[in-house]
Amino acid sequence: MPLPSKKDLKTALEVFALFQWALSALVIGDAVILVNLYLVVFTPYWPVSVLMLTWLAFDWRTPERGGCRFTCVRHWCLWKQYCDYFPLKLLKTHDLSPSLNYILACHPHGFMSHSCFDHFATEKSGFSKIFPGIIPSILTLGAFFWVPFLREYVMSTGPCSVSQSSMDFLLTRRGTGNMLIVGVSGLAECRYSLPGSTTLVLKNRTGFVRTALRHGVALIPAYAFGETELYNQQIFTPGGFVSRFQKWFQSMVHIYPCAFYGHGFTENSWGLLPYAWPVTTIVGKPLPLPKIEDPSKETVAKYHVVYIDALHKLFGQHKTKFGFSETQELVLT
């Protein structure tokens, strides 16, 4: 049997890097729950579970107080394999001042936000060299911080809770040079995540604008060209049973369940691996906003329009470089 080539080994490492991060929530979360059930029901070591819950209660506010990042984890060599799989690239259009704070809204969300994670939760895209003096903090769902061990692993790369108190803390108690990265559209945008799609859930998403106004920080639009090319999804017949179930589920939990897929381990097979498609994230020009402690709906709407115009401009300036036609425009819903 011939030995695997260097290319085969590199491919295997890239796939491992993808799966270890994507499945970490499922594996670690299930393992912690099952182990604690076993300790409580079948062994006399239930105090271990009590200690875990005690620590969770004691450390509950940490994800809303800047998290607990470890520079060594952000520099893991494994993230280089993650980045090379696609590959992923981060480009800036303007310099950022470490004497200011920023809120960066990254579009589109996609299914797994691969580019957003790699650029802002690791250093393998060269974030610190591209934006010296800026500390990025991805804001994500609070559910990731409910399970012991999983929360520590997630926080080790820099993410914090997306709650309002978390954002207020980062923008007021951590000095300057902070960049909050927000997936404005969230999981609701997954239903529009198709190859070639430029549909964004943004019309009624104004919370990030209100927060920026309350703290007087600049908004930065960013667009990841290629993020929607990484997976495909099965579109069910409108009005059919599955389609109606998807809409009902979304109305209940605000998450649209999608039958998405990529490719498998063999050629022309289906699987959960994303397609190896290059993704380039363009970070736009900061939009300075005035500080208004209690902005009115009209004021928020006004600056929301300003942000949307800037996002349209950013997309229009770069779209032809990444396979879109001159006539292609962003569709906001």
C-alpha atoms as a PDB file:
ATOM      1  CA  MET A   1       0.000   0.000   0.000  1.00  0.00           C
ATOM      2  CA  PRO A   2       1.498   3.366  -1.032  1.00  0.00           C
ATOM      3  CA  LEU A   3       2.141   5.898   1.708  1.00  0.00           C
ATOM      4  CA  PRO A   4      -0.103   9.003   1.737  1.00  0.00           C
ATOM      5  CA  SER A   5       1.399  12.005  -0.033  1.00  0.00           C
ATOM      6  CA  LYS A   6       2.019  15.390   1.582  1.00  0.00           C
ATOM      7  CA  LYS A   7      -1.056  16.685  -0.246  1.00  0.00           C
ATOM      8  CA  ASP A   8      -3.200  13.881   1.223  1.00  0.00           C
ATOM      9  CA  LEU A   9      -1.930  14.591   4.727  1.00  0.00           C
ATOM     10  CA  LYS A  10      -2.578  18.315   4.351  1.00  0.00           C
ATOM     11  CA  THR A  11      -6.119  17.639   3.092  1.00  0.00           C
ATOM     12  CA  ALA A  12      -6.742  15.326   6.057  1.00  0.00           C
ATOM     13  CA  LEU A  13      -5.522  18.011   8.483  1.00  0.00           C
ATOM     14  CA  GLU A  14      -7.757  20.627   6.850  1.00  0.00           C
ATOM     15  CA  VAL A  15     -10.807  18.358   7.140  1.00  0.00           C
ATOM     16  CA  PHE A  16      -9.956  17.572  10.764  1.00  0.00           C
ATOM     17  CA  ALA A  17      -9.636  21.288  11.537  1.00  0.00           C
ATOM     18  CA  LEU A  18     -13.083  21.939  10.062  1.00  0.00           C
ATOM     19  CA  PHE A  19     -14.830  19.103  11.860  1.00  0.00           C
ATOM     20  CA  GLN A  20     -13.196  19.638  15.246  1.00  0.00           C
ATOM     21  CA  TRP A  21     -14.544  23.188  15.403  1.00  0.00           C
ATOM     22  CA  ALA A  22     -17.917  22.609  13.741  1.00  0.00           C
ATOM     23  CA  LEU A  23     -18.695  19.552  15.856  1.00  0.00           C
ATOM     24  CA  SER A  24     -17.127  20.736  19.111  1.00  0.00           C
ATOM     25  CA  ALA A  25     -20.437  22.134  20.401  1.00  0.00           C
ATOM     26  CA  LEU A  26     -22.210  18.834  19.742  1.00  0.00           C
ATOM     27  CA  VAL A  27     -19.445  16.543  21.028  1.00  0.00           C
ATOM     28  CA  ILE A  28     -18.419  18.515  24.119  1.00  0.00           C
ATOM     29  CA  GLY A  29     -21.989  19.463  25.008  1.00  0.00           C
ATOM     30  CA  ASP A  30     -23.320  15.900  24.732  1.00  0.00           C
ATOM     31  CA  ALA A  31     -20.294  14.458  26.534  1.00  0.00           C
ATOM     32  CA  VAL A  32     -20.660  16.832  29.504  1.00  0.00           C
ATOM     33  CA  ILE A  33     -24.402  16.144  29.816  1.00  0.00           C
ATOM     34  CA  LEU A  34     -24.044  12.354  29.544  1.00  0.00           C
ATOM     35  CA  VAL A  35     -21.089  12.156  31.932  1.00  0.00           C
ATOM     36  CA  ASN A  36     -22.926  14.214  34.558  1.00  0.00           C
ATOM     37  CA  LEU A  37     -26.049  12.071  34.224  1.00  0.00           C
ATOM     38  CA  TYR A  38     -23.904   8.981  34.680  1.00  0.00           C
ATOM     39  CA  LEU A  39     -22.177  10.428  37.748  1.00  0.00           C
ATOM     40  CA  VAL A  40     -25.472  11.398  39.384  1.00  0.00           C
ATOM     41  CA  VAL A  41     -27.504   8.272  38.561  1.00  0.00           C
ATOM     42  CA  PHE A  42     -24.994   5.411  38.606  1.00  0.00           C
ATOM     43  CA  THR A  43     -22.088   6.467  40.827  1.00  0.00           C
ATOM     44  CA  PRO A  44     -21.502   8.047  44.240  1.00  0.00           C
ATOM     45  CA  TYR A  45     -19.531  10.880  42.609  1.00  0.00           C
ATOM     46  CA  TRP A  46     -22.455  13.275  42.257  1.00  0.00           C
ATOM     47  CA  PRO A  47     -20.504  16.006  44.123  1.00  0.00           C
ATOM     48  CA  VAL A  48     -18.419  16.398  40.953  1.00  0.00           C
ATOM     49  CA  SER A  49     -21.563  17.480  39.106  1.00  0.00           C
ATOM     50  CA  VAL A  50     -22.432  19.828  41.958  1.00  0.00           C
ATOM     51  CA  LEU A  51     -18.978  21.403  41.677  1.00  0.00           C
ATOM     52  CA  MET A  52     -19.474  21.903  37.936  1.00  0.00           C
ATOM     53  CA  LEU A  53     -22.826  23.599  38.475  1.00  0.00           C
ATOM     54  CA  THR A  54     -21.354  25.722  41.264  1.00  0.00           C
ATOM     55  CA  TRP A  55     -18.565  26.897  38.970  1.00  0.00           C
ATOM     56  CA  LEU A  56     -21.093  27.597  36.207  1.00  0.00           C
ATOM     57  CA  ALA A  57     -23.165  29.738  38.578  1.00  0.00           C
ATOM     58  CA  PHE A  58     -20.064  31.538  39.891  1.00  0.00           C
ATOM     59  CA  ASP A  59     -18.702  32.236  36.384  1.00  0.00           C
ATOM     60  CA  TRP A  60     -22.079  32.869  34.709  1.00  0.00           C
ATOM     61  CA  ARG A  61     -21.445  36.547  33.889  1.00  0.00           C
ATOM     62  CA  THR A  62     -17.984  36.092  32.331  1.00  0.00           C
ATOM     63  CA  PRO A  63     -19.291  35.818  28.716  1.00  0.00           C
ATOM     64  CA  GLU A  64     -20.964  39.202  29.316  1.00  0.00           C
ATOM     65  CA  ARG A  65     -17.860  40.697  30.887  1.00  0.00           C
ATOM     66  CA  GLY A  66     -15.377  40.396  28.060  1.00  0.00           C
ATOM     67  CA  GLY A  67     -15.008  36.625  28.069  1.00  0.00           C
ATOM     68  CA  CYS A  68     -11.754  34.807  28.717  1.00  0.00           C
ATOM     69  CA  ARG A  69      -9.554  34.605  25.614  1.00  0.00           C
ATOM     70  CA  PHE A  70      -6.192  32.866  25.342  1.00  0.00           C
ATOM     71  CA  THR A  71      -3.740  34.180  22.773  1.00  0.00           C
ATOM     72  CA  CYS A  72      -2.107  30.765  22.421  1.00  0.00           C
ATOM     73  CA  VAL A  73      -5.422  29.188  21.320  1.00  0.00           C
ATOM     74  CA  ARG A  74      -5.991  31.922  18.737  1.00  0.00           C
ATOM     75  CA  HIS A  75      -2.553  31.093  17.283  1.00  0.00           C
ATOM     76  CA  TRP A  76      -3.054  27.326  17.036  1.00  0.00           C
ATOM     77  CA  CYS A  77      -1.478  25.858  13.886  1.00  0.00           C
ATOM     78  CA  LEU A  78      -4.753  23.997  13.370  1.00  0.00           C
ATOM     79  CA  TRP A  79      -6.489  27.241  12.376  1.00  0.00           C
ATOM     80  CA  LYS A  80      -4.026  27.614   9.493  1.00  0.00           C
ATOM     81  CA  GLN A  81      -5.345  24.328   8.088  1.00  0.00           C
ATOM     82  CA  TYR A  82      -8.892  25.601   8.614  1.00  0.00           C
ATOM     83  CA  CYS A  83      -8.070  28.758   6.655  1.00  0.00           C
ATOM     84  CA  ASP A  84      -6.272  26.908   3.842  1.00  0.00           C
ATOM     85  CA  TYR A  85      -9.149  24.506   3.184  1.00  0.00           C
ATOM     86  CA  PHE A  86     -11.226  27.136   1.324  1.00  0.00           C
ATOM     87  CA  PRO A  87      -8.995  29.321   1.377  1.00  0.00           C
ATOM     88  CA  LEU A  88     -10.103  32.372   3.399  1.00  0.00           C
ATOM     89  CA  LYS A  89      -8.749  35.896   2.952  1.00  0.00           C
ATOM     90  CA  LEU A  90      -9.270  39.169   4.854  1.00  0.00           C
ATOM     91  CA  LEU A  91      -8.829  42.539   3.120  1.00  0.00           C
ATOM     92  CA  LYS A  92      -9.217  46.070   4.488  1.00  0.00           C
ATOM     93  CA  THR A  93     -10.147  49.224   2.633  1.00  0.00           C
ATOM     94  CA  HIS A  94      -9.246  51.689   5.423  1.00  0.00           C
ATOM     95  CA  ASP A  95      -7.041  51.781   8.508  1.00  0.00           C
ATOM     96  CA  LEU A  96      -8.626  51.739  11.959  1.00  0.00           C
ATOM     97  CA  SER A  97      -7.502  53.811  14.928  1.00  0.00           C
ATOM     98  CA  PRO A  98      -6.771  51.971  18.218  1.00  0.00           C
ATOM     99  CA  SER A  99      -8.030  55.076  20.039  1.00  0.00           C
ATOM    100  CA  LEU A 100     -11.623  54.311  18.977  1.00  0.00           C
ATOM    101  CA  ASN A 101     -14.130  51.487  19.327  1.00  0.00           C
ATOM    102  CA  TYR A 102     -16.047  49.902  16.463  1.00  0.00           C
ATOM    103  CA  ILE A 103     -18.990  47.649  15.670  1.00  0.00           C
ATOM    104  CA  LEU A 104     -18.417  45.570  12.549  1.00  0.00           C
ATOM    105  CA  ALA A 105     -21.451  43.978  10.887  1.00  0.00           C
ATOM    106  CA  CYS A 106     -20.454  40.971   8.792  1.00  0.00           C
ATOM    107  CA  HIS A 107     -22.605  39.827   5.857  1.00  0.00           C
ATOM    108  CA  PRO A 108     -23.798  37.345   4.761  1.00  0.00           C
ATOM    109  CA  HIS A 109     -24.251  35.036   7.737  1.00  0.00           C
ATOM    110  CA  GLY A 110     -24.150  31.766   5.782  1.00  0.00           C
ATOM    111  CA  PHE A 111     -24.712  28.431   7.493  1.00  0.00           C
ATOM    112  CA  MET A 112     -21.582  28.223   9.626  1.00  0.00           C
ATOM    113  CA  SER A 113     -19.993  31.690   9.274  1.00  0.00           C
ATOM    114  CA  HIS A 114     -16.669  30.065   8.464  1.00  0.00           C
ATOM    115  CA  SER A 115     -14.988  33.264   7.286  1.00  0.00           C
ATOM    116  CA  CYS A 116     -16.179  35.295  10.267  1.00  0.00           C
ATOM    117  CA  PHE A 117     -14.813  32.740  12.725  1.00  0.00           C
ATOM    118  CA  ASP A 118     -11.429  32.389  11.057  1.00  0.00           C
ATOM    119  CA  HIS A 119     -10.807  36.111  10.583  1.00  0.00           C
ATOM    120  CA  PHE A 120     -11.927  37.345  13.997  1.00  0.00           C
ATOM    121  CA  ALA A 121     -11.552  34.382  16.389  1.00  0.00           C
ATOM    122  CA  THR A 122      -8.115  33.251  15.169  1.00  0.00           C
ATOM    123  CA  GLU A 123      -4.971  34.991  13.990  1.00  0.00           C
ATOM    124  CA  LYS A 124      -4.354  32.873  10.904  1.00  0.00           C
ATOM    125  CA  SER A 125      -5.800  35.477   8.533  1.00  0.00           C
ATOM    126  CA  GLY A 126      -3.410  38.009  10.030  1.00  0.00           C
ATOM    127  CA  PHE A 127      -5.982  40.179  11.815  1.00  0.00           C
ATOM    128  CA  SER A 128      -3.512  41.746  14.256  1.00  0.00           C
ATOM    129  CA  LYS A 129      -1.168  42.662  11.413  1.00  0.00           C
ATOM    130  CA  ILE A 130      -3.953  44.043   9.221  1.00  0.00           C
ATOM    131  CA  PHE A 131      -5.554  45.998  12.081  1.00  0.00           C
ATOM    132  CA  PRO A 132      -2.785  46.636  14.638  1.00  0.00           C
ATOM    133  CA  GLY A 133      -3.988  47.664  18.078  1.00  0.00           C
ATOM    134  CA  ILE A 134      -7.552  46.421  17.500  1.00  0.00           C
ATOM    135  CA  ILE A 135      -9.030  43.632  19.659  1.00  0.00           C
ATOM    136  CA  PRO A 136     -11.841  41.690  17.910  1.00  0.00           C
ATOM    137  CA  SER A 137     -14.699  40.085  19.840  1.00  0.00           C
ATOM    138  CA  ILE A 138     -17.228  37.951  17.982  1.00  0.00           C
ATOM    139  CA  LEU A 139     -20.670  38.185  19.575  1.00  0.00           C
ATOM    140  CA  THR A 140     -22.574  34.906  19.516  1.00  0.00           C
ATOM    141  CA  LEU A 141     -25.580  33.146  21.028  1.00  0.00           C
ATOM    142  CA  GLY A 142     -25.654  32.883  24.805  1.00  0.00           C
ATOM    143  CA  ALA A 143     -26.536  29.174  24.528  1.00  0.00           C
ATOM    144  CA  PHE A 144     -22.869  28.387  23.773  1.00  0.00           C
ATOM    145  CA  PHE A 145     -22.011  29.514  27.300  1.00  0.00           C
ATOM    146  CA  TRP A 146     -24.500  27.360  29.177  1.00  0.00           C
ATOM    147  CA  VAL A 147     -22.446  24.137  29.238  1.00  0.00           C
ATOM    148  CA  PRO A 148     -19.263  23.705  31.310  1.00  0.00           C
ATOM    149  CA  PHE A 149     -16.075  23.090  29.282  1.00  0.00           C
ATOM    150  CA  LEU A 150     -17.809  24.013  26.039  1.00  0.00           C
ATOM    151  CA  ARG A 151     -18.125  27.627  27.203  1.00  0.00           C
ATOM    152  CA  GLU A 152     -14.438  27.756  28.153  1.00  0.00           C
ATOM    153  CA  TYR A 153     -13.414  26.357  24.765  1.00  0.00           C
ATOM    154  CA  VAL A 154     -15.598  28.831  22.886  1.00  0.00           C
ATOM    155  CA  MET A 155     -14.413  31.791  24.981  1.00  0.00           C
ATOM    156  CA  SER A 156     -10.753  30.819  24.563  1.00  0.00           C
ATOM    157  CA  THR A 157     -10.758  32.183  20.986  1.00  0.00           C
ATOM    158  CA  GLY A 158     -12.387  35.478  21.994  1.00  0.00           C
ATOM    159  CA  PRO A 159     -16.197  35.239  21.470  1.00  0.00           C
ATOM    160  CA  CYS A 160     -18.568  36.862  23.973  1.00  0.00           C
ATOM    161  CA  SER A 161     -22.320  36.858  24.495  1.00  0.00           C
ATOM    162  CA  VAL A 162     -24.391  38.908  22.057  1.00  0.00           C
ATOM    163  CA  SER A 163     -26.527  40.296  24.886  1.00  0.00           C
ATOM    164  CA  GLN A 164     -26.952  44.031  25.324  1.00  0.00           C
ATOM    165  CA  SER A 165     -25.118  44.020  28.658  1.00  0.00           C
ATOM    166  CA  SER A 166     -22.159  42.294  26.994  1.00  0.00           C
ATOM    167  CA  MET A 167     -21.970  44.918  24.251  1.00  0.00           C
ATOM    168  CA  ASP A 168     -22.289  47.755  26.776  1.00  0.00           C
ATOM    169  CA  PHE A 169     -19.443  46.313  28.848  1.00  0.00           C
ATOM    170  CA  LEU A 170     -17.091  45.912  25.882  1.00  0.00           C
ATOM    171  CA  LEU A 171     -17.757  49.463  24.685  1.00  0.00           C
ATOM    172  CA  THR A 172     -17.456  51.173  28.071  1.00  0.00           C
ATOM    173  CA  ARG A 173     -15.313  49.080  30.417  1.00  0.00           C
ATOM    174  CA  ARG A 174     -12.565  47.769  28.150  1.00  0.00           C
ATOM    175  CA  GLY A 175     -11.028  51.045  27.033  1.00  0.00           C
ATOM    176  CA  THR A 176     -10.511  51.677  23.312  1.00  0.00           C
ATOM    177  CA  GLY A 177      -9.358  49.615  20.343  1.00  0.00           C
ATOM    178  CA  ASN A 178     -12.266  47.168  20.638  1.00  0.00           C
ATOM    179  CA  MET A 179     -14.091  45.796  17.613  1.00  0.00           C
ATOM    180  CA  LEU A 180     -17.413  44.006  18.178  1.00  0.00           C
ATOM    181  CA  ILE A 181     -18.241  41.627  15.326  1.00  0.00           C
ATOM    182  CA  VAL A 182     -21.964  41.065  14.875  1.00  0.00           C
ATOM    183  CA  GLY A 183     -23.727  38.652  12.540  1.00  0.00           C
ATOM    184  CA  VAL A 184     -26.668  41.018  12.147  1.00  0.00           C
ATOM    185  CA  SER A 185     -28.915  38.677  10.179  1.00  0.00           C
ATOM    186  CA  GLY A 186     -28.288  35.633  12.367  1.00  0.00           C
ATOM    187  CA  LEU A 187     -29.678  32.196  11.639  1.00  0.00           C
ATOM    188  CA  ALA A 188     -32.777  33.700  10.031  1.00  0.00           C
ATOM    189  CA  GLU A 189     -30.683  34.328   6.937  1.00  0.00           C
ATOM    190  CA  CYS A 190     -29.864  30.649   6.426  1.00  0.00           C
ATOM    191  CA  ARG A 191     -32.967  30.156   4.285  1.00  0.00           C
ATOM    192  CA  TYR A 192     -31.464  32.512   1.694  1.00  0.00           C
ATOM    193  CA  SER A 193     -27.979  31.010   1.813  1.00  0.00           C
ATOM    194  CA  LEU A 194     -27.651  29.574  -1.693  1.00  0.00           C
ATOM    195  CA  PRO A 195     -24.859  29.730  -4.274  1.00  0.00           C
ATOM    196  CA  GLY A 196     -25.159  33.025  -6.125  1.00  0.00           C
ATOM    197  CA  SER A 197     -27.571  34.527  -3.588  1.00  0.00           C
ATOM    198  CA  THR A 198     -27.145  38.121  -2.387  1.00  0.00           C
ATOM    199  CA  THR A 199     -30.253  38.248  -0.187  1.00  0.00           C
ATOM    200  CA  LEU A 200     -29.706  39.636   3.314  1.00  0.00           C
ATOM    201  CA  VAL A 201     -32.060  39.804   6.298  1.00  0.00           C
ATOM    202  CA  LEU A 202     -31.417  43.408   7.231  1.00  0.00           C
ATOM    203  CA  LYS A 203     -34.471  45.627   6.748  1.00  0.00           C
ATOM    204  CA  ASN A 204     -35.707  45.332  10.320  1.00  0.00           C
ATOM    205  CA  ARG A 205     -32.375  44.635  12.023  1.00  0.00           C
ATOM    206  CA  THR A 206     -31.644  47.953  13.696  1.00  0.00           C
ATOM    207  CA  GLY A 207     -30.384  46.930  17.150  1.00  0.00           C
ATOM    208  CA  PHE A 208     -26.713  47.205  16.177  1.00  0.00           C
ATOM    209  CA  VAL A 209     -27.320  50.760  14.910  1.00  0.00           C
ATOM    210  CA  ARG A 210     -29.041  51.745  18.161  1.00  0.00           C
ATOM    211  CA  THR A 211     -26.130  50.363  20.200  1.00  0.00           C
ATOM    212  CA  ALA A 212     -23.607  52.208  18.043  1.00  0.00           C
ATOM    213  CA  LEU A 213     -25.517  55.466  18.544  1.00  0.00           C
ATOM    214  CA  ARG A 214     -25.823  54.987  22.309  1.00  0.00           C
ATOM    215  CA  HIS A 215     -22.045  54.642  22.588  1.00  0.00           C
ATOM    216  CA  GLY A 216     -21.047  56.924  19.735  1.00  0.00           C
ATOM    217  CA  VAL A 217     -18.928  54.282  17.991  1.00  0.00           C
ATOM    218  CA  ALA A 218     -18.345  53.854  14.273  1.00  0.00           C
ATOM    219  CA  LEU A 219     -20.145  51.188  12.248  1.00  0.00           C
ATOM    220  CA  ILE A 220     -18.152  49.133   9.756  1.00  0.00           C
ATOM    221  CA  PRO A 221     -19.814  47.157   6.932  1.00  0.00           C
ATOM    222  CA  ALA A 222     -18.085  43.953   5.828  1.00  0.00           C
ATOM    223  CA  TYR A 223     -19.042  41.517   3.083  1.00  0.00           C
ATOM    224  CA  ALA A 224     -17.718  37.964   2.701  1.00  0.00           C
ATOM    225  CA  PHE A 225     -17.708  37.194  -1.017  1.00  0.00           C
ATOM    226  CA  GLY A 226     -18.085  33.439  -1.409  1.00  0.00           C
ATOM    227  CA  GLU A 227     -19.670  32.611   1.963  1.00  0.00           C
ATOM    228  CA  THR A 228     -22.969  31.559   0.361  1.00  0.00           C
ATOM    229  CA  GLU A 229     -21.110  29.262  -2.069  1.00  0.00           C
ATOM    230  CA  LEU A 230     -19.885  26.917   0.666  1.00  0.00           C
ATOM    231  CA  TYR A 231     -23.113  24.899   1.000  1.00  0.00           C
ATOM    232  CA  ASN A 232     -26.204  24.139  -0.997  1.00  0.00           C
ATOM    233  CA  GLN A 233     -29.639  23.345   0.366  1.00  0.00           C
ATOM    234  CA  GLN A 234     -32.743  21.479  -0.625  1.00  0.00           C
ATOM    235  CA  ILE A 235     -35.598  23.833  -1.474  1.00  0.00           C
ATOM    236  CA  PHE A 236     -38.956  22.227  -0.779  1.00  0.00           C
ATOM    237  CA  THR A 237     -42.171  22.868  -2.669  1.00  0.00           C
ATOM    238  CA  PRO A 238     -43.836  26.080  -1.399  1.00  0.00           C
ATOM    239  CA  GLY A 239     -47.002  25.207   0.476  1.00  0.00           C
ATOM    240  CA  GLY A 240     -45.959  21.589   0.971  1.00  0.00           C
ATOM    241  CA  PHE A 241     -45.763  19.807   4.304  1.00  0.00           C
ATOM    242  CA  VAL A 242     -42.017  20.346   4.819  1.00  0.00           C
ATOM    243  CA  SER A 243     -42.205  23.991   3.741  1.00  0.00           C
ATOM    244  CA  ARG A 244     -45.064  24.667   6.154  1.00  0.00           C
ATOM    245  CA  PHE A 245     -43.176  22.910   8.945  1.00  0.00           C
ATOM    246  CA  GLN A 246     -40.106  25.112   8.297  1.00  0.00           C
ATOM    247  CA  LYS A 247     -42.206  28.270   8.553  1.00  0.00           C
ATOM    248  CA  TRP A 248     -43.978  27.022  11.696  1.00  0.00           C
ATOM    249  CA  PHE A 249     -40.666  26.118  13.342  1.00  0.00           C
ATOM    250  CA  GLN A 250     -39.264  29.533  12.505  1.00  0.00           C
ATOM    251  CA  SER A 251     -42.303  31.252  14.006  1.00  0.00           C
ATOM    252  CA  MET A 252     -41.800  29.271  17.229  1.00  0.00           C
ATOM    253  CA  VAL A 253     -38.033  29.548  17.825  1.00  0.00           C
ATOM    254  CA  HIS A 254     -36.926  32.161  15.239  1.00  0.00           C
ATOM    255  CA  ILE A 255     -34.637  29.637  13.533  1.00  0.00           C
ATOM    256  CA  TYR A 256     -35.340  28.457   9.992  1.00  0.00           C
ATOM    257  CA  PRO A 257     -34.470  24.717   9.734  1.00  0.00           C
ATOM    258  CA  CYS A 258     -32.649  24.107   6.453  1.00  0.00           C
ATOM    259  CA  ALA A 259     -31.689  20.861   4.714  1.00  0.00           C
ATOM    260  CA  PHE A 260     -28.224  22.054   3.755  1.00  0.00           C
ATOM    261  CA  TYR A 261     -25.386  19.941   2.411  1.00  0.00           C
ATOM    262  CA  GLY A 262     -21.893  20.159   0.992  1.00  0.00           C
ATOM    263  CA  HIS A 263     -19.739  17.346  -0.318  1.00  0.00           C
ATOM    264  CA  GLY A 264     -18.564  14.095   1.237  1.00  0.00           C
ATOM    265  CA  PHE A 265     -15.217  12.330   1.439  1.00  0.00           C
ATOM    266  CA  THR A 266     -15.491  10.878  -2.058  1.00  0.00           C
ATOM    267  CA  GLU A 267     -15.896  12.613  -5.397  1.00  0.00           C
ATOM    268  CA  ASN A 268     -19.445  13.638  -6.358  1.00  0.00           C
ATOM    269  CA  SER A 269     -20.842  12.592  -2.968  1.00  0.00           C
ATOM    270  CA  TRP A 270     -22.999  14.548  -0.548  1.00  0.00           C
ATOM    271  CA  GLY A 271     -21.873  15.312   2.962  1.00  0.00           C
ATOM    272  CA  LEU A 272     -21.308  17.991   5.590  1.00  0.00           C
ATOM    273  CA  LEU A 273     -17.983  19.243   4.301  1.00  0.00           C
ATOM    274  CA  PRO A 274     -18.259  22.735   2.831  1.00  0.00           C
ATOM    275  CA  TYR A 275     -17.226  23.166  -0.763  1.00  0.00           C
ATOM    276  CA  ALA A 276     -13.605  24.265  -1.114  1.00  0.00           C
ATOM    277  CA  TRP A 277     -14.510  27.690  -2.476  1.00  0.00           C
ATOM    278  CA  PRO A 278     -12.362  30.800  -1.832  1.00  0.00           C
ATOM    279  CA  VAL A 279     -13.974  33.349   0.474  1.00  0.00           C
ATOM    280  CA  THR A 280     -12.703  36.926   0.654  1.00  0.00           C
ATOM    281  CA  THR A 281     -14.007  39.269   3.324  1.00  0.00           C
ATOM    282  CA  ILE A 282     -13.813  42.961   2.481  1.00  0.00           C
ATOM    283  CA  VAL A 283     -13.876  45.286   5.498  1.00  0.00           C
ATOM    284  CA  GLY A 284     -15.314  48.655   4.512  1.00  0.00           C
ATOM    285  CA  LYS A 285     -14.892  52.240   5.643  1.00  0.00           C
ATOM    286  CA  PRO A 286     -15.918  53.113   9.223  1.00  0.00           C
ATOM    287  CA  LEU A 287     -19.064  55.234   9.473  1.00  0.00           C
ATOM    288  CA  PRO A 288     -18.717  57.693  12.395  1.00  0.00           C
ATOM    289  CA  LEU A 289     -21.934  58.048  14.385  1.00  0.00           C
ATOM    290  CA  PRO A 290     -22.858  60.705  16.966  1.00  0.00           C
ATOM    291  CA  LYS A 291     -23.327  59.700  20.580  1.00  0.00           C
ATOM    292  CA  ILE A 292     -27.031  59.791  21.510  1.00  0.00           C
ATOM    293  CA  GLU A 293     -27.871  58.145  24.826  1.00  0.00           C
ATOM    294  CA  ASP A 294     -31.506  57.491  23.960  1.00  0.00           C
ATOM    295  CA  PRO A 295     -31.904  57.670  20.156  1.00  0.00           C
ATOM    296  CA  SER A 296     -35.418  57.887  18.792  1.00  0.00           C
ATOM    297  CA  LYS A 297     -36.796  55.399  16.252  1.00  0.00           C
ATOM    298  CA  GLU A 298     -36.503  58.062  13.572  1.00  0.00           C
ATOM    299  CA  THR A 299     -32.844  58.663  14.372  1.00  0.00           C
ATOM    300  CA  VAL A 300     -32.061  54.937  14.359  1.00  0.00           C
ATOM    301  CA  ALA A 301     -33.901  54.542  11.051  1.00  0.00           C
ATOM    302  CA  LYS A 302     -31.943  57.450   9.573  1.00  0.00           C
ATOM    303  CA  TYR A 303     -28.539  55.949  10.374  1.00  0.00           C
ATOM    304  CA  HIS A 304     -29.737  52.486   9.434  1.00  0.00           C
ATOM    305  CA  VAL A 305     -30.318  53.856   5.927  1.00  0.00           C
ATOM    306  CA  VAL A 306     -26.830  55.393   5.983  1.00  0.00           C
ATOM    307  CA  TYR A 307     -25.375  51.994   6.889  1.00  0.00           C
ATOM    308  CA  ILE A 308     -27.346  50.192   4.156  1.00  0.00           C
ATOM    309  CA  ASP A 309     -26.149  52.712   1.581  1.00  0.00           C
ATOM    310  CA  ALA A 310     -22.538  52.107   2.653  1.00  0.00           C
ATOM    311  CA  LEU A 311     -23.039  48.336   2.410  1.00  0.00           C
ATOM    312  CA  HIS A 312     -24.510  48.667  -1.095  1.00  0.00           C
ATOM    313  CA  LYS A 313     -21.535  50.794  -2.092  1.00  0.00           C
ATOM    314  CA  LEU A 314     -19.045  48.286  -0.670  1.00  0.00           C
ATOM    315  CA  PHE A 315     -20.717  45.417  -2.513  1.00  0.00           C
ATOM    316  CA  GLY A 316     -20.932  47.390  -5.751  1.00  0.00           C
ATOM    317  CA  GLN A 317     -17.246  48.338  -5.690  1.00  0.00           C
ATOM    318  CA  HIS A 318     -16.018  44.740  -5.394  1.00  0.00           C
ATOM    319  CA  LYS A 319     -18.722  42.448  -6.842  1.00  0.00           C
ATOM    320  CA  THR A 320     -17.251  42.027 -10.328  1.00  0.00           C
ATOM    321  CA  LYS A 321     -13.949  40.826  -8.847  1.00  0.00           C
ATOM    322  CA  PHE A 322     -15.751  37.844  -7.313  1.00  0.00           C
ATOM    323  CA  GLY A 323     -17.941  36.629 -10.164  1.00  0.00           C
ATOM    324  CA  PHE A 324     -21.003  38.862  -9.852  1.00  0.00           C
ATOM    325  CA  SER A 325     -22.288  40.833 -12.810  1.00  0.00           C
ATOM    326  CA  GLU A 326     -22.461  44.600 -12.950  1.00  0.00           C
ATOM    327  CA  THR A 327     -26.263  44.412 -12.635  1.00  0.00           C
ATOM    328  CA  GLN A 328     -26.268  42.190  -9.525  1.00  0.00           C
ATOM    329  CA  GLU A 329     -27.475  44.037  -6.421  1.00  0.00           C
ATOM    330  CA  LEU A 330     -28.016  43.213  -2.779  1.00  0.00           C
ATOM    331  CA  VAL A 331     -31.594  42.173  -1.951  1.00  0.00           C
ATOM    332  CA  LEU A 332     -32.723  43.170   1.527  1.00  0.00           C
ATOM    333  CA  THR A 333     -35.603  41.496   3.287  1.00  0.00           C
END
